[in-house]
Protein backbone atom coordinates (compact mmCIF):
# COMPACT_ATOMS: atom_id res chain seq x y z
CA MET A 1 -22.45 -42.78 71.79
CA ALA A 2 -24.54 -45.53 70.21
CA ASP A 3 -23.89 -46.86 66.74
CA ILE A 4 -25.61 -44.75 64.08
CA THR A 5 -27.97 -47.64 63.33
CA GLN A 6 -29.08 -47.75 66.99
CA ARG A 7 -29.89 -44.05 67.41
CA THR A 8 -33.37 -42.57 67.47
CA ILE A 9 -34.49 -40.13 64.79
CA ALA A 10 -34.22 -37.32 67.35
CA GLU A 11 -30.61 -38.28 68.16
CA LEU A 12 -29.78 -38.45 64.46
CA ILE A 13 -31.30 -35.03 63.79
CA ASP A 14 -29.47 -33.55 66.79
CA GLN A 15 -26.17 -34.94 65.53
CA LEU A 16 -26.95 -33.76 61.98
CA ILE A 17 -27.43 -30.18 63.21
CA THR A 18 -24.11 -30.27 65.05
CA THR A 19 -22.36 -31.91 62.10
CA ASN A 20 -23.73 -29.30 59.69
CA LEU A 21 -22.35 -26.50 61.87
CA ARG A 22 -18.94 -28.17 62.10
CA CYS A 23 -18.85 -28.78 58.36
CA TRP A 24 -19.85 -25.21 57.49
CA THR A 25 -17.30 -23.80 59.96
CA ALA A 26 -14.56 -25.95 58.44
CA GLN A 27 -15.56 -24.86 54.92
CA ASP A 28 -15.38 -21.23 56.01
CA GLN A 29 -11.92 -21.87 57.46
CA VAL A 30 -10.84 -23.38 54.13
CA ARG A 31 -11.67 -20.05 52.51
CA THR A 32 -10.29 -17.77 55.22
CA ALA A 33 -7.39 -19.52 56.97
CA PRO A 34 -4.15 -17.56 56.70
CA THR A 35 -1.86 -20.48 55.88
CA VAL A 36 -1.90 -23.38 53.44
CA GLU A 37 -1.47 -25.82 56.32
CA GLU A 38 -4.50 -24.44 58.16
CA ARG A 39 -6.57 -24.55 54.97
CA ALA A 40 -5.51 -28.16 54.36
CA GLU A 41 -6.42 -29.14 57.92
CA ALA A 42 -9.80 -27.42 57.63
CA GLY A 43 -10.38 -29.17 54.29
CA ALA A 44 -9.78 -32.56 55.90
CA VAL A 45 -12.24 -31.70 58.68
CA ALA A 46 -14.79 -30.53 56.11
CA GLN A 47 -14.48 -33.80 54.17
CA THR A 48 -14.79 -35.94 57.28
CA THR A 49 -17.78 -34.06 58.64
CA ASN A 50 -19.47 -34.04 55.23
CA ALA A 51 -19.10 -37.83 55.03
CA LEU A 52 -20.73 -38.13 58.47
CA ARG A 53 -23.44 -35.68 57.37
CA ASN A 54 -24.26 -37.92 54.40
CA GLN A 55 -24.43 -41.00 56.66
CA LEU A 56 -26.78 -39.22 59.04
CA ILE A 57 -29.05 -38.03 56.22
CA ARG A 58 -29.22 -41.56 54.82
CA ALA A 59 -29.99 -43.01 58.28
CA ILE A 60 -32.76 -40.44 58.88
CA ASN A 61 -34.28 -41.02 55.45
CA GLU A 62 -34.12 -44.77 55.94
CA ARG A 63 -35.97 -44.52 59.25
CA LEU A 64 -38.62 -42.35 57.61
CA GLY A 65 -39.08 -44.78 54.72
CA GLU A 66 -37.56 -42.34 52.24
CA ALA A 67 -34.25 -44.08 51.56
CA ASP A 68 -34.75 -44.01 47.78
CA ASN A 69 -35.79 -40.36 47.62
CA SER A 70 -32.56 -38.62 48.54
CA PRO A 71 -29.55 -39.88 46.64
CA LEU A 72 -26.34 -38.20 47.77
CA PRO A 73 -23.81 -39.04 45.06
CA LYS A 74 -21.33 -36.45 43.92
CA THR A 75 -22.81 -34.35 41.13
CA TYR A 76 -19.56 -33.05 39.69
CA ALA A 77 -17.04 -34.68 37.42
């Protein structure tokens, strides 16, 4: 697949939808997995997919000229 900077807005949105579903599924597995190991693995997947989600959102906003309007820093201490 093309570099994130080379993708069309439609490709970015398509990947964002898929990434959201993967992230939400992993987060659900963190809460419901029967073992600590499975929860840890799901947590790693959730973190990785959330990082990709943030990159995709930034790329979409940049293409739409809204790069400054959607900061995605962590809001917890």
